[in-house]
Protein backbone atom coordinates (compact mmCIF):
# COMPACT_ATOMS: atom_id res chain seq x y z
CA MET A 1 14.99 253.65 75.30
CA LYS A 2 17.70 253.14 73.08
CA ALA A 3 18.53 256.11 69.98
CA ASN A 4 16.50 254.28 67.42
CA TYR A 5 13.77 253.74 69.33
CA LEU A 6 11.92 256.34 67.44
CA GLY A 7 13.04 254.85 63.73
CA LEU A 8 11.13 251.28 64.70
CA PHE A 9 8.03 253.13 65.24
CA THR A 10 7.22 253.56 61.78
CA GLY A 11 3.68 253.63 59.97
CA PHE A 12 3.85 249.67 59.60
CA VAL A 13 4.87 248.91 63.18
CA LEU A 14 2.39 250.95 64.40
CA LEU A 15 -0.50 249.53 62.72
CA VAL A 16 0.87 246.02 63.98
CA PHE A 17 -0.48 246.62 67.06
CA ILE A 18 -4.02 246.60 65.89
CA LEU A 19 -3.35 243.56 64.06
CA PHE A 20 -1.20 241.35 66.41
CA PRO A 21 -3.31 240.38 68.96
CA VAL A 22 -6.34 239.91 66.81
CA ASP A 23 -5.16 236.75 64.90
CA ALA A 24 -1.82 235.66 65.47
CA LEU A 25 -1.89 233.94 68.85
CA GLY A 26 -5.56 233.30 69.19
CA GLN A 27 -6.18 234.61 72.82
CA THR A 28 -6.81 238.74 73.84
CA ASN A 29 -5.18 240.53 76.77
CA SER A 30 -8.44 242.51 77.21
CA LYS A 31 -8.63 242.45 80.65
CA HIS A 32 -8.50 246.25 82.21
CA VAL A 33 -6.43 245.80 85.39
CA ASP A 34 -5.64 248.78 87.83
CA SER A 35 -2.17 250.07 88.79
CA PRO A 36 -0.22 248.73 91.50
CA LEU A 37 -0.46 250.63 94.93
CA GLY A 38 3.33 250.88 95.22
CA TRP A 39 3.27 252.44 91.71
CA LYS A 40 0.56 255.06 92.39
CA ILE A 41 2.71 256.29 95.20
CA GLY A 42 5.75 255.95 93.81
CA THR A 43 4.76 258.20 90.73
CA PHE A 44 3.25 260.83 93.58
CA LEU A 45 6.09 261.40 95.27
CA ASP A 46 8.21 261.76 91.61
CA ASP A 47 5.35 264.56 90.97
CA LEU A 48 5.59 266.35 94.20
CA TYR A 49 9.28 266.39 94.18
CA ILE A 50 9.48 268.15 90.77
CA ASP A 51 6.40 270.15 91.53
CA VAL A 52 8.47 271.50 94.96
CA PHE A 53 12.08 271.28 93.83
CA VAL A 54 12.46 271.72 90.63
CA THR A 55 11.82 275.08 89.85
CA ASP A 56 13.60 276.35 86.69
CA ASP A 57 11.35 275.52 83.86
CA THR A 58 14.24 274.04 81.46
CA LYS A 59 14.95 271.28 84.03
CA LYS A 60 11.27 270.92 84.75
CA ALA A 61 10.32 270.21 81.21
CA GLU A 62 13.16 267.37 81.16
CA ALA A 63 12.40 265.95 84.31
CA ILE A 64 8.65 265.62 83.35
CA ALA A 65 9.64 264.25 79.63
CA LYS A 66 11.86 261.83 81.56
CA GLN A 67 9.22 260.80 83.73
CA ALA A 68 6.94 260.09 80.33
CA GLU A 69 9.96 257.90 78.92
CA LYS A 70 10.29 255.83 82.28
CA THR A 71 6.47 254.70 82.30
CA GLN A 72 6.49 254.28 78.71
CA GLU A 73 9.41 251.64 79.46
CA GLN A 74 7.09 249.84 81.96
CA ILE A 75 4.61 249.87 79.03
CA GLU A 76 6.84 248.06 77.00
CA SER A 77 8.23 245.62 79.85
CA LEU A 78 4.47 244.65 80.10
CA ALA A 79 3.59 244.31 76.68
CA ILE A 80 6.68 242.15 75.67
CA GLU A 81 5.12 239.71 78.71
CA GLY A 82 2.06 239.69 77.33
CA LYS A 83 0.65 241.46 80.41
CA PRO A 84 -2.64 243.80 80.60
CA ILE A 85 -1.40 247.55 80.49
CA PRO A 86 -2.88 249.41 83.28
CA ASN A 87 -4.99 252.50 81.34
CA ASP A 88 -3.30 254.79 84.16
CA TYR A 89 -0.03 253.93 82.46
CA VAL A 90 -0.70 255.24 79.17
CA LYS A 91 -2.97 258.09 80.57
CA ARG A 92 0.38 259.11 82.40
CA VAL A 93 2.57 259.28 79.27
CA SER A 94 0.00 261.45 77.60
CA ASP A 95 -0.35 263.62 80.26
CA LYS A 96 3.43 264.14 81.08
CA THR A 97 4.21 264.47 77.27
CA ILE A 98 1.34 267.28 77.07
CA LYS A 99 2.99 269.21 80.15
CA ALA A 100 6.53 269.05 79.04
CA GLN A 101 5.39 269.92 75.70
CA GLU A 102 3.76 273.25 76.77
CA ILE A 103 6.68 273.86 79.06
CA LEU A 104 9.22 273.65 76.41
CA LEU A 105 7.29 275.49 73.74
CA ASN A 106 6.56 278.29 76.28
CA LEU A 107 10.12 278.72 76.95
CA GLU A 108 10.96 278.85 73.45
CA LYS A 109 8.04 280.87 72.43
CA VAL A 110 6.93 278.99 69.27
CA PRO A 111 3.16 279.28 68.47
CA VAL A 112 1.56 276.02 67.92
CA GLN A 113 -1.88 275.06 66.77
CA GLY A 114 -3.12 271.79 66.96
CA GLN A 115 -1.02 268.46 66.75
CA GLU A 116 0.42 269.12 63.39
CA GLY A 117 1.65 272.82 64.85
CA ILE A 118 3.17 270.91 67.70
CA ARG A 119 4.95 268.16 65.51
CA ASN A 120 6.19 271.02 63.44
CA ALA A 121 7.36 273.39 66.31
CA LEU A 122 9.66 270.46 68.20
CA LYS A 123 11.40 269.84 64.72
CA GLN A 124 12.12 273.65 65.01
CA ILE A 125 13.82 272.88 68.34
CA THR A 126 15.50 269.77 67.67
CA SER A 127 16.81 271.02 64.27
CA LYS A 128 18.97 273.67 65.89
CA PRO A 129 22.81 272.85 66.61
CA GLU A 130 23.86 272.00 69.94
CA ILE A 131 26.20 274.86 71.80
CA VAL A 132 29.73 273.58 72.34
CA CYS A 133 31.06 275.57 75.87
CA VAL A 134 34.50 276.74 75.48
CA ALA A 135 34.69 278.56 78.79
CA GLU A 136 32.60 278.32 82.14
CA PRO A 137 29.94 279.54 82.92
CA CYS A 138 28.20 277.22 80.48
CA GLU A 139 24.64 277.88 81.79
CA GLU A 140 23.32 279.44 78.74
CA ALA A 141 24.68 276.50 76.60
CA LYS A 142 23.50 273.57 78.70
CA ASP A 143 19.76 275.47 79.00
CA VAL A 144 19.83 275.42 74.89
CA ASN A 145 21.30 271.69 74.49
CA SER A 146 18.78 270.88 77.47
CA ARG A 147 15.73 271.98 75.39
CA ILE A 148 17.08 270.34 72.25
CA ASN A 149 17.48 266.59 73.64
CA THR A 150 14.14 267.23 75.58
CA GLY A 151 12.54 268.10 72.34
CA ARG A 152 14.04 264.98 70.97
CA VAL A 153 12.77 262.84 74.02
CA LEU A 154 9.04 264.47 72.99
CA GLU A 155 9.42 263.93 69.52
CA THR A 156 9.93 260.24 70.14
CA LEU A 157 6.55 260.28 72.49
CA GLN A 158 4.19 261.93 70.33
CA ASP A 159 4.57 258.78 68.07
CA VAL A 160 4.45 256.36 70.94
CA ASN A 161 1.20 258.06 72.52
CA GLU A 162 -0.30 256.73 69.49
CA ALA A 163 1.10 253.23 69.66
CA ASN A 164 -0.38 253.45 73.55
CA GLN A 165 -3.89 254.26 72.14
CA ILE A 166 -4.07 251.94 69.89
CA ARG A 167 -3.00 249.04 72.14
CA LEU A 168 -6.10 250.40 74.26
CA LEU A 169 -8.06 250.09 71.17
CA VAL A 170 -7.21 246.75 70.86
CA ASN A 171 -8.00 245.87 74.21
CA ASP A 172 -11.39 247.20 73.60
CA PHE A 173 -11.62 245.53 70.14
CA ASN A 174 -10.73 242.05 71.78
CA GLU A 175 -13.55 242.80 74.27
CA LEU A 176 -15.87 243.88 71.56
CA ARG A 177 -14.96 240.41 69.73
CA ASP A 178 -15.35 238.18 72.79
CA GLY A 179 -18.85 239.98 73.67
CA ILE A 180 -20.43 239.05 70.55
CA ASN A 181 -18.74 235.75 69.92
CA SER A 182 -20.09 234.64 73.34
CA GLY A 183 -23.31 236.12 73.13
CA ARG A 184 -22.63 238.63 76.18
CA PHE A 185 -23.22 241.72 73.88
CA ASP A 186 -26.70 242.36 72.38
CA THR A 187 -26.94 244.15 68.95
CA VAL A 188 -27.10 247.67 70.85
CA THR A 189 -24.16 247.20 73.11
CA ALA A 190 -22.39 245.81 70.43
CA GLU A 191 -23.14 249.01 68.15
CA THR A 192 -22.20 250.99 70.95
CA ARG A 193 -18.68 249.65 71.77
CA ALA A 194 -18.05 249.65 68.38
CA ASN A 195 -18.84 253.47 67.65
CA GLN A 196 -16.82 254.26 70.58
CA ILE A 197 -13.65 252.29 69.37
CA ASP A 198 -14.40 253.44 65.74
CA SER A 199 -14.06 257.53 66.79
CA ARG A 200 -11.15 256.91 68.93
CA ALA A 201 -9.43 254.82 66.11
CA ASN A 202 -10.45 257.09 62.98
CA SER A 203 -9.09 259.89 64.76
CA LEU A 204 -5.42 258.91 64.90
CA ASP A 205 -3.00 260.22 62.82
CA LEU A 206 -1.41 256.74 62.14
CA ILE A 207 -4.92 255.76 61.08
CA ILE A 208 -5.60 258.79 58.41
CA GLN A 209 -2.33 258.50 56.73
CA HIS A 210 -2.27 254.98 56.33
CA CYS A 211 -5.74 253.42 55.67
CA ASP A 212 -8.57 254.19 52.99
CA GLY A 213 -11.69 255.45 54.78
CA ARG A 214 -13.03 254.67 57.83
CA ILE A 215 -11.80 251.41 60.07
CA SER A 216 -15.18 250.07 61.30
CA SER A 217 -14.65 247.47 64.30
CA LEU A 218 -17.98 245.86 64.35
CA ASP A 219 -17.35 244.70 60.66
CA LEU A 220 -13.90 243.60 61.66
CA ALA A 221 -15.21 241.67 64.79
CA PHE A 222 -17.82 239.58 62.62
CA GLU A 223 -14.28 238.53 60.18
CA LYS A 224 -12.72 235.29 60.20
CA SER A 225 -9.51 237.13 59.21
CA PRO A 226 -9.53 240.85 60.44
CA TYR A 227 -5.76 240.97 59.05
CA SER A 228 -6.28 240.31 55.55
CA ILE A 229 -9.32 242.98 55.59
CA LEU A 230 -7.17 245.59 57.16
CA GLN A 231 -4.24 244.82 54.41
CA ASN A 232 -7.40 245.85 51.79
CA GLN A 233 -7.91 248.92 53.78
CA CYS A 234 -4.39 250.07 54.65
CA LYS A 235 -1.96 249.51 51.87
CA ILE A 236 0.95 249.78 53.59
CA LEU A 237 0.16 246.28 54.66
CA GLN A 238 -0.41 244.78 51.66
CA ASN A 239 3.32 243.22 51.14
CA HIS A 240 3.45 242.17 54.90
CA SER A 241 2.15 238.94 55.98
CA LEU A 242 0.91 238.21 59.13
CA GLU A 243 4.24 236.54 60.29
CA ASP A 244 6.11 239.38 59.17
CA ALA A 245 4.17 241.41 61.24
CA GLN A 246 4.90 239.28 64.28
CA ASN A 247 8.62 239.21 63.89
CA ARG A 248 8.51 243.02 63.36
CA LEU A 249 6.70 243.51 66.88
CA LYS A 250 9.47 241.29 68.43
CA LEU A 251 12.10 243.53 67.21
CA LEU A 252 10.28 246.21 68.60
CA GLY A 253 10.06 244.49 72.12
CA SER A 254 13.82 243.21 72.05
CA ASP A 255 14.86 246.93 71.27
CA ILE A 256 13.43 248.45 74.59
CA GLU A 257 16.14 248.47 77.55
């Protein structure tokens, strides 16, 4: 990921992940796919190597954070190509981020409570000045600097994880909308699926921070233009057209290597 990757994940860009597939292309990407066998084998071997051979906790936190970062890059590549994203990919990024955070925060002996506590703890770590080593051995300086850099990666992944959850919600919303429009879903099924989507969506920090009240996926599913409805509910979107949203999403994709 490039250095300015985090900067692109503003509240606006993240909210676009909800809106882009709904109105922009007139098509959905709601097919749930399994992760490839080769990917499963590769990640298993990566995990085994770190569990067995990386015994230093500072290096382990760094290695696990890099695993999450690598999987996120695979997710971005699929998204740019318009391909379905396996749930396993999203789960791996989330699981590895949490595991690396636990190791790093334990090393730094920073007490945390809840997601906001984790964000604040990571900010404490990344705000420390890096140590310049003037004479070998430099192990202490290397460890401190490694933890700072790992903290920066994890700060980025905190926001990325929400983006990934929104991607999954987009898939589920499109499936809900398709099911209603095609008649595959009866009223009970549609309401059940909508409640599941709403429960997950309205617990996200991005929705809480940028939107007034709870988002109702069932109401949006019956709207001809969900984007305009969300513009009224999420004030941050009001000065941005759908075309602008599309361009920003493309900009996000072009910045991933």
